[in-house]
């Protein structure tokens, strides 16, 4: 089934899927709502919050950063989750409800994370080595492929082909593409509502240089993969 040219679907890297599963388990805890959004210090009258807490963090920000490639390693994910709860425990006294909630969720996270950490790190290493991808179909031999001028607008067919091939990028390239697109066009990278393991990118919202950059990434990745298989 061909993809609509206005939506490119990209499967999340395996290590990201595992981190997302652990995040979801945290979210399901009855106390997680306290940590889902940034602390509104001024609104809550916590005038010394930013003096005491040097790097605020929350679970909602972590999920967004994980989905858009801002978090690029399992270690970053772990550090940010622990930071979320450590901040709450640092700012609030030991007998405070928020301190106790943070302590409970911190223990839950470590209980879920530690048995899987080595496996998640290994999946990340595989991604860095370029594993986990499929073969590409560009319709041309890569050596003969003409890379269009970056200012030449893409046709409907070119966008459709790019959308299809982007979902075949290996994990490392998926992360690079999502991060680059999100930095320039933060609103076009979206969670697929039907499949939590997929990210959707609104192709029509990207400018021509970005589309041509993605096209080159696909073609170069295909050429390297073919060379390795030769």
N, C-alpha and C. Protein backbone atom coordinates (compact mmCIF):
# COMPACT_ATOMS: atom_id res chain seq x y z
N UNK A 1 0.85 -1.19 0.00
CA UNK A 1 0.00 0.00 0.00
C UNK A 1 0.89 1.24 0.00
N UNK A 2 0.67 2.13 -0.96
CA UNK A 2 1.52 3.31 -1.06
C UNK A 2 1.13 4.34 -0.02
N UNK A 3 2.11 5.11 0.43
CA UNK A 3 1.87 6.15 1.42
C UNK A 3 1.41 7.42 0.73
N UNK A 4 0.57 8.19 1.39
CA UNK A 4 0.19 9.49 0.86
C UNK A 4 1.42 10.38 0.85
N UNK A 5 1.60 11.16 -0.22
CA UNK A 5 2.82 11.96 -0.32
C UNK A 5 2.93 13.05 0.73
N UNK A 6 1.85 13.39 1.40
CA UNK A 6 1.95 14.45 2.41
C UNK A 6 2.33 13.92 3.78
N UNK A 7 2.43 12.61 3.95
CA UNK A 7 2.82 12.03 5.23
C UNK A 7 3.93 11.02 5.04
N UNK A 8 5.03 11.23 5.72
CA UNK A 8 6.10 10.23 5.74
C UNK A 8 6.09 9.56 7.09
N UNK A 9 6.04 8.25 7.11
CA UNK A 9 6.01 7.51 8.36
C UNK A 9 7.37 6.87 8.59
N UNK A 10 7.90 7.06 9.79
CA UNK A 10 9.21 6.52 10.13
C UNK A 10 9.10 5.74 11.42
N UNK A 11 9.53 4.50 11.39
CA UNK A 11 9.48 3.67 12.59
C UNK A 11 10.54 4.14 13.58
N UNK A 12 10.17 4.20 14.85
CA UNK A 12 11.12 4.58 15.88
C UNK A 12 12.18 3.50 16.02
N UNK A 13 13.36 3.90 16.42
CA UNK A 13 14.44 2.95 16.69
C UNK A 13 14.02 2.01 17.82
N UNK A 14 14.56 0.80 17.81
CA UNK A 14 14.16 -0.20 18.80
C UNK A 14 14.43 0.26 20.23
N UNK A 15 15.56 0.92 20.46
CA UNK A 15 15.86 1.37 21.83
C UNK A 15 14.88 2.45 22.27
N UNK A 16 14.43 3.27 21.33
CA UNK A 16 13.44 4.29 21.65
C UNK A 16 12.11 3.65 22.03
N UNK A 17 11.73 2.60 21.31
CA UNK A 17 10.49 1.89 21.64
C UNK A 17 10.54 1.33 23.06
N UNK A 18 11.69 0.77 23.44
CA UNK A 18 11.83 0.21 24.78
C UNK A 18 11.74 1.30 25.85
N UNK A 19 12.41 2.42 25.59
CA UNK A 19 12.33 3.54 26.55
C UNK A 19 10.89 4.06 26.64
N UNK A 20 10.21 4.10 25.52
CA UNK A 20 8.82 4.57 25.51
C UNK A 20 7.91 3.66 26.32
N UNK A 21 8.19 2.37 26.26
CA UNK A 21 7.40 1.41 27.03
C UNK A 21 7.58 1.64 28.53
N UNK A 22 8.81 1.89 28.95
CA UNK A 22 9.07 2.17 30.36
C UNK A 22 8.42 3.49 30.77
N UNK A 23 8.50 4.49 29.90
CA UNK A 23 7.86 5.78 30.17
C UNK A 23 6.35 5.58 30.36
N UNK A 24 5.76 4.76 29.51
CA UNK A 24 4.32 4.51 29.60
C UNK A 24 3.96 3.85 30.93
N UNK A 25 4.82 2.97 31.42
CA UNK A 25 4.58 2.32 32.72
C UNK A 25 4.62 3.34 33.85
N UNK A 26 5.50 4.32 33.73
CA UNK A 26 5.54 5.40 34.72
C UNK A 26 4.26 6.23 34.65
N UNK A 27 3.85 6.55 33.42
CA UNK A 27 2.66 7.37 33.23
C UNK A 27 1.42 6.72 33.84
N UNK A 28 1.37 5.40 33.82
CA UNK A 28 0.20 4.68 34.32
C UNK A 28 0.09 4.70 35.84
N UNK A 29 1.16 5.10 36.50
CA UNK A 29 1.12 5.16 37.97
C UNK A 29 0.22 6.32 38.41
N UNK A 30 -0.52 6.12 39.48
CA UNK A 30 -1.51 7.11 39.93
C UNK A 30 -0.90 8.46 40.30
N UNK A 31 0.39 8.48 40.62
CA UNK A 31 1.03 9.74 41.03
C UNK A 31 1.77 10.45 39.89
N UNK A 32 1.76 9.86 38.71
CA UNK A 32 2.58 10.40 37.62
C UNK A 32 2.12 11.78 37.16
N UNK A 33 0.83 12.11 37.34
CA UNK A 33 0.31 13.39 36.86
C UNK A 33 1.09 14.59 37.41
N UNK A 34 1.64 14.41 38.60
CA UNK A 34 2.40 15.50 39.24
C UNK A 34 3.63 15.88 38.41
N UNK A 35 4.17 14.91 37.68
CA UNK A 35 5.45 15.09 36.99
C UNK A 35 5.33 15.16 35.47
N UNK A 36 4.10 15.28 34.96
CA UNK A 36 3.90 15.23 33.52
C UNK A 36 4.18 16.55 32.81
N UNK A 37 4.19 17.65 33.54
CA UNK A 37 4.40 18.96 32.92
C UNK A 37 5.46 19.75 33.70
N UNK A 38 6.06 20.74 33.05
CA UNK A 38 7.05 21.57 33.78
C UNK A 38 6.41 22.23 35.01
N UNK A 39 7.19 22.37 36.06
CA UNK A 39 6.71 23.04 37.28
C UNK A 39 6.46 24.52 36.96
N UNK A 40 5.22 24.97 37.21
CA UNK A 40 4.89 26.39 36.98
C UNK A 40 5.23 27.17 38.25
N UNK A 41 6.50 27.43 38.43
CA UNK A 41 7.00 28.00 39.69
C UNK A 41 6.32 29.32 40.05
N UNK A 42 6.21 30.22 39.10
CA UNK A 42 5.62 31.54 39.40
C UNK A 42 4.15 31.40 39.77
N UNK A 43 3.43 30.59 39.00
CA UNK A 43 2.00 30.40 39.25
C UNK A 43 1.75 29.79 40.62
N UNK A 44 2.66 28.89 41.04
CA UNK A 44 2.51 28.22 42.33
C UNK A 44 3.15 29.00 43.47
N UNK A 45 3.76 30.13 43.15
CA UNK A 45 4.39 30.95 44.18
C UNK A 45 5.69 30.38 44.72
N UNK A 46 6.34 29.54 43.90
CA UNK A 46 7.61 28.92 44.32
C UNK A 46 8.76 29.81 43.84
N UNK A 47 8.93 30.94 44.47
CA UNK A 47 9.84 31.96 43.97
C UNK A 47 11.31 31.56 44.01
N UNK A 48 11.64 30.58 44.84
CA UNK A 48 13.04 30.14 44.93
C UNK A 48 13.30 28.87 44.12
N UNK A 49 12.28 28.41 43.37
CA UNK A 49 12.40 27.11 42.67
C UNK A 49 13.60 27.09 41.72
N UNK A 50 13.71 28.11 40.88
CA UNK A 50 14.77 28.10 39.87
C UNK A 50 16.14 28.45 40.45
N UNK A 51 16.16 28.92 41.68
CA UNK A 51 17.42 29.13 42.38
C UNK A 51 17.97 27.80 42.88
N UNK A 52 17.05 26.96 43.36
CA UNK A 52 17.42 25.66 43.92
C UNK A 52 17.56 24.59 42.83
N UNK A 53 16.63 24.61 41.88
CA UNK A 53 16.62 23.60 40.80
C UNK A 53 17.25 24.21 39.55
N UNK A 54 18.45 23.77 39.23
CA UNK A 54 19.21 24.37 38.13
C UNK A 54 18.75 23.88 36.75
N UNK A 55 18.29 22.62 36.67
CA UNK A 55 17.82 22.11 35.36
C UNK A 55 16.48 21.41 35.55
N UNK A 56 15.39 22.14 35.42
CA UNK A 56 14.06 21.53 35.56
C UNK A 56 13.85 20.45 34.50
N UNK A 57 13.07 19.42 34.88
CA UNK A 57 12.75 18.35 33.93
C UNK A 57 11.41 17.75 34.32
N UNK A 58 10.70 17.22 33.34
CA UNK A 58 9.42 16.58 33.60
C UNK A 58 9.18 15.47 32.59
N UNK A 59 8.26 14.58 32.90
CA UNK A 59 8.02 13.40 32.06
C UNK A 59 7.47 13.76 30.68
N UNK A 60 6.64 14.81 30.61
CA UNK A 60 6.09 15.22 29.32
C UNK A 60 7.18 15.70 28.37
N UNK A 61 8.09 16.49 28.89
CA UNK A 61 9.22 16.98 28.09
C UNK A 61 10.09 15.82 27.65
N UNK A 62 10.31 14.87 28.54
CA UNK A 62 11.13 13.69 28.21
C UNK A 62 10.53 12.92 27.04
N UNK A 63 9.22 12.70 27.07
CA UNK A 63 8.57 11.94 25.98
C UNK A 63 8.68 12.69 24.67
N UNK A 64 8.45 14.00 24.70
CA UNK A 64 8.56 14.80 23.47
C UNK A 64 9.99 14.75 22.93
N UNK A 65 10.98 14.86 23.82
CA UNK A 65 12.38 14.83 23.41
C UNK A 65 12.78 13.46 22.88
N UNK A 66 12.20 12.42 23.45
CA UNK A 66 12.49 11.06 22.98
C UNK A 66 11.92 10.84 21.58
N UNK A 67 10.70 11.32 21.37
CA UNK A 67 10.03 11.13 20.08
C UNK A 67 10.66 11.94 18.96
N UNK A 68 11.24 13.08 19.29
CA UNK A 68 11.78 13.96 18.25
C UNK A 68 13.29 13.88 18.10
N UNK A 69 13.93 12.98 18.84
CA UNK A 69 15.36 12.78 18.67
C UNK A 69 16.24 13.70 19.48
N UNK A 70 15.64 14.57 20.30
CA UNK A 70 16.46 15.43 21.17
C UNK A 70 17.22 14.56 22.17
N UNK A 71 16.54 13.54 22.68
CA UNK A 71 17.21 12.51 23.48
C UNK A 71 17.76 11.49 22.49
N UNK A 72 19.07 11.38 22.42
CA UNK A 72 19.68 10.55 21.38
C UNK A 72 20.40 9.32 21.91
N UNK A 73 20.38 9.12 23.24
CA UNK A 73 20.99 7.93 23.82
C UNK A 73 20.14 7.42 24.98
N UNK A 74 20.20 6.13 25.29
CA UNK A 74 19.49 5.62 26.46
C UNK A 74 19.95 6.28 27.75
N UNK A 75 21.23 6.63 27.82
CA UNK A 75 21.77 7.26 29.03
C UNK A 75 21.11 8.61 29.28
N UNK A 76 20.88 9.37 28.21
CA UNK A 76 20.18 10.65 28.34
C UNK A 76 18.78 10.45 28.89
N UNK A 77 18.09 9.44 28.37
CA UNK A 77 16.73 9.14 28.84
C UNK A 77 16.74 8.83 30.33
N UNK A 78 17.64 7.95 30.73
CA UNK A 78 17.75 7.56 32.14
C UNK A 78 18.05 8.78 33.02
N UNK A 79 19.03 9.58 32.60
CA UNK A 79 19.42 10.75 33.39
C UNK A 79 18.27 11.73 33.56
N UNK A 80 17.51 11.95 32.49
CA UNK A 80 16.41 12.92 32.56
C UNK A 80 15.26 12.42 33.42
N UNK A 81 14.98 11.12 33.35
CA UNK A 81 13.92 10.57 34.21
C UNK A 81 14.32 10.69 35.68
N UNK A 82 15.56 10.29 35.99
CA UNK A 82 16.03 10.38 37.37
C UNK A 82 16.09 11.83 37.84
N UNK A 83 16.45 12.74 36.93
CA UNK A 83 16.52 14.16 37.27
C UNK A 83 15.13 14.69 37.64
N UNK A 84 14.12 14.24 36.92
CA UNK A 84 12.74 14.66 37.20
C UNK A 84 12.38 14.40 38.66
N UNK A 85 12.68 13.20 39.10
CA UNK A 85 12.31 12.81 40.47
C UNK A 85 13.28 13.39 41.50
N UNK A 86 14.57 13.49 41.13
CA UNK A 86 15.55 14.06 42.05
C UNK A 86 15.24 15.53 42.33
N UNK A 87 14.82 16.25 41.30
CA UNK A 87 14.45 17.66 41.48
C UNK A 87 13.33 17.80 42.52
N UNK A 88 12.32 16.94 42.37
CA UNK A 88 11.17 16.99 43.30
C UNK A 88 11.60 16.65 44.72
N UNK A 89 12.51 15.69 44.85
CA UNK A 89 12.98 15.28 46.17
C UNK A 89 13.92 16.33 46.78
N UNK A 90 14.65 17.06 45.92
CA UNK A 90 15.55 18.12 46.40
C UNK A 90 14.74 19.31 46.90
N UNK A 91 13.72 19.69 46.16
CA UNK A 91 12.98 20.91 46.49
C UNK A 91 12.01 20.71 47.65
N UNK A 92 11.40 19.53 47.71
CA UNK A 92 10.37 19.29 48.73
C UNK A 92 10.91 18.50 49.92
N UNK A 93 10.51 18.85 51.14
CA UNK A 93 10.96 18.11 52.34
C UNK A 93 10.56 16.64 52.29
N UNK A 94 11.26 15.83 53.06
CA UNK A 94 11.06 14.37 53.02
C UNK A 94 9.63 13.95 53.35
N UNK A 95 8.95 14.72 54.17
CA UNK A 95 7.59 14.33 54.57
C UNK A 95 6.51 14.91 53.65
N UNK A 96 6.93 15.62 52.59
CA UNK A 96 5.99 16.24 51.66
C UNK A 96 5.47 15.19 50.68
N UNK A 97 4.18 15.32 50.32
CA UNK A 97 3.57 14.34 49.40
C UNK A 97 4.34 14.23 48.09
N UNK A 98 4.76 15.36 47.53
CA UNK A 98 5.46 15.33 46.24
C UNK A 98 6.80 14.61 46.37
N UNK A 99 7.50 14.83 47.48
CA UNK A 99 8.77 14.13 47.72
C UNK A 99 8.53 12.61 47.76
N UNK A 100 7.49 12.21 48.47
CA UNK A 100 7.18 10.78 48.61
C UNK A 100 6.75 10.18 47.27
N UNK A 101 5.95 10.94 46.49
CA UNK A 101 5.54 10.47 45.15
C UNK A 101 6.76 10.29 44.25
N UNK A 102 7.66 11.27 44.29
CA UNK A 102 8.87 11.21 43.46
C UNK A 102 9.73 10.00 43.84
N UNK A 103 9.85 9.77 45.13
CA UNK A 103 10.65 8.63 45.61
C UNK A 103 10.05 7.31 45.12
N UNK A 104 8.72 7.21 45.20
CA UNK A 104 8.03 5.99 44.74
C UNK A 104 8.24 5.76 43.24
N UNK A 105 8.09 6.82 42.46
CA UNK A 105 8.22 6.70 41.01
C UNK A 105 9.68 6.46 40.60
N UNK A 106 10.60 7.02 41.36
CA UNK A 106 12.02 6.77 41.09
C UNK A 106 12.33 5.29 41.28
N UNK A 107 11.81 4.72 42.35
CA UNK A 107 12.03 3.29 42.61
C UNK A 107 11.36 2.43 41.54
N UNK A 108 10.17 2.85 41.10
CA UNK A 108 9.48 2.11 40.04
C UNK A 108 10.29 2.15 38.75
N UNK A 109 10.83 3.34 38.42
CA UNK A 109 11.63 3.46 37.20
C UNK A 109 12.85 2.54 37.24
N UNK A 110 13.58 2.57 38.35
CA UNK A 110 14.78 1.73 38.46
C UNK A 110 14.42 0.25 38.41
N UNK A 111 13.29 -0.10 38.97
CA UNK A 111 12.82 -1.49 38.95
C UNK A 111 12.55 -1.95 37.51
N UNK A 112 12.03 -1.05 36.69
CA UNK A 112 11.72 -1.38 35.29
C UNK A 112 12.96 -1.25 34.40
N UNK A 113 13.81 -0.26 34.72
CA UNK A 113 14.96 0.06 33.86
C UNK A 113 16.12 -0.91 34.01
N UNK A 114 16.51 -1.18 35.24
CA UNK A 114 17.76 -1.92 35.47
C UNK A 114 17.81 -3.30 34.81
N UNK A 115 16.71 -4.09 34.84
CA UNK A 115 16.79 -5.40 34.18
C UNK A 115 16.91 -5.30 32.65
N UNK A 116 16.55 -4.15 32.08
CA UNK A 116 16.55 -4.00 30.62
C UNK A 116 17.68 -3.10 30.11
N UNK A 117 18.41 -2.48 31.02
CA UNK A 117 19.37 -1.46 30.60
C UNK A 117 20.41 -2.00 29.63
N UNK A 118 20.99 -3.14 29.91
CA UNK A 118 22.02 -3.70 29.03
C UNK A 118 21.46 -3.98 27.64
N UNK A 119 20.25 -4.51 27.59
CA UNK A 119 19.61 -4.82 26.30
C UNK A 119 19.31 -3.54 25.52
N UNK A 120 18.82 -2.51 26.22
CA UNK A 120 18.50 -1.25 25.56
C UNK A 120 19.78 -0.59 25.03
N UNK A 121 20.85 -0.63 25.84
CA UNK A 121 22.13 -0.08 25.40
C UNK A 121 22.65 -0.81 24.17
N UNK A 122 22.45 -2.12 24.13
CA UNK A 122 22.90 -2.92 22.98
C UNK A 122 22.11 -2.55 21.72
N UNK A 123 20.81 -2.34 21.87
CA UNK A 123 19.98 -1.93 20.72
C UNK A 123 20.43 -0.56 20.20
N UNK A 124 20.82 0.31 21.13
CA UNK A 124 21.34 1.62 20.71
C UNK A 124 22.65 1.46 19.96
N UNK A 125 23.54 0.58 20.45
CA UNK A 125 24.83 0.37 19.78
C UNK A 125 24.62 -0.20 18.38
N UNK A 126 23.66 -1.11 18.23
CA UNK A 126 23.35 -1.67 16.91
C UNK A 126 22.91 -0.56 15.96
N UNK A 127 22.10 0.36 16.47
CA UNK A 127 21.65 1.48 15.65
C UNK A 127 22.82 2.34 15.21
N UNK A 128 23.77 2.60 16.14
CA UNK A 128 24.94 3.42 15.80
C UNK A 128 25.79 2.77 14.72
N UNK A 129 25.75 1.45 14.67
CA UNK A 129 26.51 0.72 13.64
C UNK A 129 25.77 0.65 12.32
N UNK A 130 24.55 1.24 12.31
CA UNK A 130 23.78 1.29 11.06
C UNK A 130 22.90 0.10 10.83
N UNK A 131 22.66 -0.71 11.87
CA UNK A 131 21.82 -1.88 11.70
C UNK A 131 20.35 -1.54 11.76
N UNK A 132 19.53 -2.52 11.42
CA UNK A 132 18.10 -2.39 11.59
C UNK A 132 17.37 -1.76 10.43
N UNK A 133 17.98 -1.69 9.26
CA UNK A 133 17.30 -1.08 8.13
C UNK A 133 16.87 -2.08 7.09
N UNK A 134 16.05 -1.60 6.11
CA UNK A 134 15.62 -2.42 5.00
C UNK A 134 16.31 -1.91 3.74
N UNK A 135 16.11 -2.61 2.64
CA UNK A 135 16.68 -2.13 1.39
C UNK A 135 15.80 -1.03 0.81
N UNK A 136 16.36 -0.23 -0.08
CA UNK A 136 15.66 0.89 -0.65
C UNK A 136 15.32 0.63 -2.11
N UNK A 137 14.34 1.34 -2.59
CA UNK A 137 14.01 1.31 -4.01
C UNK A 137 13.90 2.75 -4.48
N UNK A 138 14.91 3.21 -5.22
CA UNK A 138 14.88 4.59 -5.71
C UNK A 138 14.46 4.66 -7.17
N UNK A 139 14.36 3.49 -7.80
CA UNK A 139 13.97 3.49 -9.20
C UNK A 139 15.16 3.73 -10.12
N UNK A 140 16.34 4.00 -9.56
CA UNK A 140 17.55 4.24 -10.36
C UNK A 140 18.71 3.56 -9.68
N UNK A 141 19.75 3.26 -10.47
CA UNK A 141 21.00 2.82 -9.83
C UNK A 141 21.60 4.01 -9.11
N UNK A 142 22.00 3.88 -7.83
CA UNK A 142 22.51 5.02 -7.07
C UNK A 142 23.64 5.77 -7.76
N UNK A 143 24.53 5.02 -8.46
CA UNK A 143 25.66 5.67 -9.11
C UNK A 143 25.19 6.58 -10.25
N UNK A 144 24.01 6.28 -10.79
CA UNK A 144 23.51 7.06 -11.92
C UNK A 144 22.47 8.09 -11.49
N UNK A 145 22.11 8.02 -10.21
CA UNK A 145 21.03 8.90 -9.74
C UNK A 145 21.46 10.36 -9.82
N UNK A 146 20.62 11.15 -10.44
CA UNK A 146 20.90 12.59 -10.53
C UNK A 146 20.31 13.27 -9.31
N UNK A 147 21.17 13.89 -8.50
CA UNK A 147 20.67 14.62 -7.33
C UNK A 147 20.28 16.01 -7.80
N UNK A 148 18.99 16.31 -7.71
CA UNK A 148 18.48 17.58 -8.22
C UNK A 148 19.02 18.75 -7.42
N UNK A 149 19.05 19.89 -8.06
CA UNK A 149 19.44 21.11 -7.37
C UNK A 149 18.55 21.31 -6.17
N UNK A 150 19.15 21.71 -5.04
CA UNK A 150 18.38 21.79 -3.80
C UNK A 150 17.25 22.81 -3.85
N UNK A 151 17.28 23.69 -4.84
CA UNK A 151 16.20 24.67 -4.95
C UNK A 151 15.13 24.28 -5.97
N UNK A 152 15.27 23.09 -6.56
CA UNK A 152 14.26 22.63 -7.50
C UNK A 152 13.13 21.95 -6.74
N UNK A 153 11.92 22.51 -6.83
CA UNK A 153 10.79 21.92 -6.08
C UNK A 153 10.56 20.46 -6.44
N UNK A 154 10.11 19.69 -5.47
CA UNK A 154 9.82 18.28 -5.69
C UNK A 154 8.44 18.10 -6.33
N UNK A 155 8.38 17.14 -7.24
CA UNK A 155 7.10 16.79 -7.85
C UNK A 155 6.30 15.92 -6.90
N UNK A 156 5.04 15.71 -7.21
CA UNK A 156 4.16 14.83 -6.44
C UNK A 156 4.77 13.43 -6.33
N UNK A 157 5.28 12.92 -7.46
CA UNK A 157 5.84 11.57 -7.48
C UNK A 157 7.11 11.48 -6.64
N UNK A 158 7.94 12.51 -6.69
CA UNK A 158 9.17 12.52 -5.89
C UNK A 158 8.85 12.52 -4.40
N UNK A 159 7.83 13.29 -4.02
CA UNK A 159 7.43 13.32 -2.61
C UNK A 159 6.88 11.96 -2.18
N UNK A 160 6.12 11.35 -3.05
CA UNK A 160 5.54 10.02 -2.72
C UNK A 160 6.64 8.99 -2.54
N UNK A 161 7.64 9.03 -3.43
CA UNK A 161 8.76 8.09 -3.35
C UNK A 161 9.59 8.35 -2.09
N UNK A 162 9.83 9.62 -1.78
CA UNK A 162 10.59 9.97 -0.58
C UNK A 162 9.87 9.50 0.67
N UNK A 163 8.54 9.70 0.71
CA UNK A 163 7.75 9.26 1.87
C UNK A 163 7.90 7.76 2.10
N UNK A 164 7.81 7.00 1.00
CA UNK A 164 7.92 5.55 1.11
C UNK A 164 9.31 5.12 1.59
N UNK A 165 10.34 5.76 1.05
CA UNK A 165 11.71 5.35 1.38
C UNK A 165 12.16 5.79 2.76
N UNK A 166 11.59 6.87 3.27
CA UNK A 166 11.99 7.35 4.60
C UNK A 166 11.66 6.32 5.68
N UNK A 167 10.60 5.55 5.47
CA UNK A 167 10.24 4.54 6.46
C UNK A 167 11.20 3.35 6.43
N UNK A 168 12.08 3.30 5.43
CA UNK A 168 13.03 2.20 5.31
C UNK A 168 14.42 2.59 5.79
N UNK A 169 14.56 3.83 6.27
CA UNK A 169 15.87 4.24 6.78
C UNK A 169 16.24 3.42 8.02
N UNK A 170 17.52 3.06 8.18
CA UNK A 170 17.95 2.37 9.41
C UNK A 170 17.85 3.31 10.60
N UNK A 171 17.85 2.72 11.79
CA UNK A 171 17.58 3.47 13.02
C UNK A 171 18.41 4.72 13.19
N UNK A 172 19.73 4.64 12.92
CA UNK A 172 20.60 5.80 13.12
C UNK A 172 20.17 6.96 12.23
N UNK A 173 19.84 6.65 10.98
CA UNK A 173 19.42 7.69 10.04
C UNK A 173 18.06 8.26 10.41
N UNK A 174 17.17 7.41 10.93
CA UNK A 174 15.87 7.90 11.39
C UNK A 174 16.07 8.98 12.44
N UNK A 175 16.95 8.69 13.42
CA UNK A 175 17.22 9.65 14.48
C UNK A 175 17.79 10.96 13.93
N UNK A 176 18.74 10.87 12.98
CA UNK A 176 19.33 12.06 12.39
C UNK A 176 18.28 12.88 11.65
N UNK A 177 17.42 12.19 10.89
CA UNK A 177 16.40 12.90 10.10
C UNK A 177 15.40 13.59 11.01
N UNK A 178 14.91 12.88 12.02
CA UNK A 178 13.91 13.45 12.91
C UNK A 178 14.47 14.65 13.66
N UNK A 179 15.70 14.51 14.16
CA UNK A 179 16.32 15.62 14.91
C UNK A 179 16.49 16.85 14.03
N UNK A 180 17.00 16.66 12.83
CA UNK A 180 17.23 17.79 11.92
C UNK A 180 15.92 18.47 11.54
N UNK A 181 14.89 17.68 11.23
CA UNK A 181 13.60 18.25 10.84
C UNK A 181 12.96 18.97 12.02
N UNK A 182 13.03 18.36 13.20
CA UNK A 182 12.40 18.97 14.37
C UNK A 182 13.04 20.30 14.74
N UNK A 183 14.35 20.42 14.55
CA UNK A 183 15.03 21.68 14.87
C UNK A 183 14.56 22.82 13.98
N UNK A 184 14.27 22.49 12.73
CA UNK A 184 13.88 23.51 11.76
C UNK A 184 12.37 23.70 11.67
N UNK A 185 11.64 22.58 11.79
CA UNK A 185 10.17 22.61 11.67
C UNK A 185 9.56 21.80 12.82
N UNK A 186 9.56 22.31 14.04
CA UNK A 186 9.12 21.52 15.20
C UNK A 186 7.68 21.03 15.12
N UNK A 187 6.83 21.69 14.35
CA UNK A 187 5.41 21.32 14.33
C UNK A 187 5.07 20.23 13.32
N UNK A 188 6.03 19.84 12.48
CA UNK A 188 5.70 18.85 11.45
C UNK A 188 6.03 17.42 11.87
N UNK A 189 6.73 17.27 12.99
CA UNK A 189 7.05 15.93 13.51
C UNK A 189 6.00 15.57 14.55
N UNK A 190 5.21 14.53 14.25
CA UNK A 190 4.08 14.18 15.10
C UNK A 190 4.07 12.69 15.41
N UNK A 191 3.49 12.37 16.56
CA UNK A 191 3.25 10.97 16.92
C UNK A 191 2.13 10.44 16.03
N UNK A 192 2.30 9.22 15.50
CA UNK A 192 1.23 8.58 14.75
C UNK A 192 0.15 8.14 15.73
N UNK A 193 -1.05 8.71 15.61
CA UNK A 193 -2.13 8.40 16.54
C UNK A 193 -2.55 6.95 16.53
N UNK A 194 -2.32 6.26 15.41
CA UNK A 194 -2.75 4.86 15.29
C UNK A 194 -1.65 3.89 15.70
N UNK A 195 -0.40 4.32 15.64
CA UNK A 195 0.72 3.43 15.96
C UNK A 195 1.74 4.20 16.79
N UNK A 196 1.83 3.95 18.11
CA UNK A 196 2.75 4.69 18.97
C UNK A 196 4.22 4.46 18.64
N UNK A 197 4.51 3.44 17.83
CA UNK A 197 5.90 3.16 17.46
C UNK A 197 6.31 3.88 16.19
N UNK A 198 5.43 4.73 15.66
CA UNK A 198 5.75 5.46 14.45
C UNK A 198 5.68 6.97 14.66
N UNK A 199 6.51 7.66 13.91
CA UNK A 199 6.49 9.12 13.86
C UNK A 199 6.01 9.52 12.47
N UNK A 200 5.14 10.52 12.39
CA UNK A 200 4.68 11.03 11.11
C UNK A 200 5.30 12.40 10.84
N UNK A 201 5.69 12.63 9.59
CA UNK A 201 6.25 13.91 9.19
C UNK A 201 5.42 14.45 8.03
N UNK A 202 4.94 15.68 8.18
CA UNK A 202 4.15 16.33 7.14
C UNK A 202 5.10 16.82 6.05
N UNK A 203 5.21 16.02 5.00
CA UNK A 203 6.14 16.31 3.91
C UNK A 203 5.87 17.68 3.28
N UNK A 204 4.59 18.04 3.11
CA UNK A 204 4.25 19.29 2.44
C UNK A 204 4.62 20.53 3.25
N UNK A 205 4.93 20.34 4.54
CA UNK A 205 5.30 21.49 5.37
C UNK A 205 6.81 21.74 5.34
N UNK A 206 7.57 20.86 4.68
CA UNK A 206 9.02 21.01 4.60
C UNK A 206 9.40 21.86 3.38
N UNK A 207 10.47 22.65 3.52
CA UNK A 207 10.90 23.45 2.38
C UNK A 207 11.73 22.59 1.43
N UNK A 208 11.97 23.11 0.23
CA UNK A 208 12.65 22.34 -0.81
C UNK A 208 14.06 21.91 -0.42
N UNK A 209 14.90 22.78 0.18
CA UNK A 209 16.23 22.30 0.57
C UNK A 209 16.19 21.13 1.56
N UNK A 210 15.23 21.15 2.48
CA UNK A 210 15.12 20.05 3.44
C UNK A 210 14.70 18.76 2.74
N UNK A 211 13.75 18.87 1.82
CA UNK A 211 13.31 17.69 1.07
C UNK A 211 14.46 17.11 0.25
N UNK A 212 15.24 17.98 -0.37
CA UNK A 212 16.37 17.49 -1.17
C UNK A 212 17.46 16.89 -0.29
N UNK A 213 17.63 17.44 0.92
CA UNK A 213 18.59 16.87 1.87
C UNK A 213 18.16 15.46 2.28
N UNK A 214 16.86 15.29 2.54
CA UNK A 214 16.34 13.96 2.89
C UNK A 214 16.51 13.00 1.72
N UNK A 215 16.28 13.49 0.50
CA UNK A 215 16.44 12.66 -0.69
C UNK A 215 17.88 12.17 -0.81
N UNK A 216 18.83 13.09 -0.57
CA UNK A 216 20.25 12.69 -0.64
C UNK A 216 20.58 11.67 0.44
N UNK A 217 20.03 11.86 1.65
CA UNK A 217 20.26 10.91 2.73
C UNK A 217 19.80 9.51 2.33
N UNK A 218 18.62 9.44 1.73
CA UNK A 218 18.08 8.14 1.30
C UNK A 218 18.98 7.52 0.25
N UNK A 219 19.36 8.31 -0.76
CA UNK A 219 20.17 7.78 -1.85
C UNK A 219 21.56 7.34 -1.38
N UNK A 220 22.17 8.15 -0.52
CA UNK A 220 23.51 7.81 -0.02
C UNK A 220 23.48 6.58 0.87
N UNK A 221 22.43 6.46 1.70
CA UNK A 221 22.31 5.29 2.57
C UNK A 221 22.12 4.03 1.73
N UNK A 222 21.30 4.15 0.68
CA UNK A 222 21.08 3.02 -0.22
C UNK A 222 22.39 2.60 -0.89
N UNK A 223 23.15 3.60 -1.35
CA UNK A 223 24.41 3.31 -2.05
C UNK A 223 25.40 2.60 -1.11
N UNK A 224 25.50 3.08 0.13
CA UNK A 224 26.42 2.46 1.10
C UNK A 224 25.98 1.04 1.43
N UNK A 225 24.67 0.85 1.57
CA UNK A 225 24.18 -0.50 1.90
C UNK A 225 24.46 -1.47 0.77
N UNK A 226 24.26 -0.99 -0.47
CA UNK A 226 24.52 -1.85 -1.62
C UNK A 226 25.99 -2.20 -1.73
N UNK A 227 26.86 -1.19 -1.41
CA UNK A 227 28.31 -1.42 -1.47
C UNK A 227 28.73 -2.46 -0.45
N UNK A 228 28.14 -2.41 0.76
CA UNK A 228 28.49 -3.39 1.81
C UNK A 228 28.05 -4.80 1.40
N UNK A 229 26.94 -4.88 0.67
CA UNK A 229 26.41 -6.19 0.28
C UNK A 229 27.13 -6.78 -0.91
N UNK A 230 27.87 -5.93 -1.64
CA UNK A 230 28.55 -6.38 -2.85
C UNK A 230 29.68 -7.34 -2.52
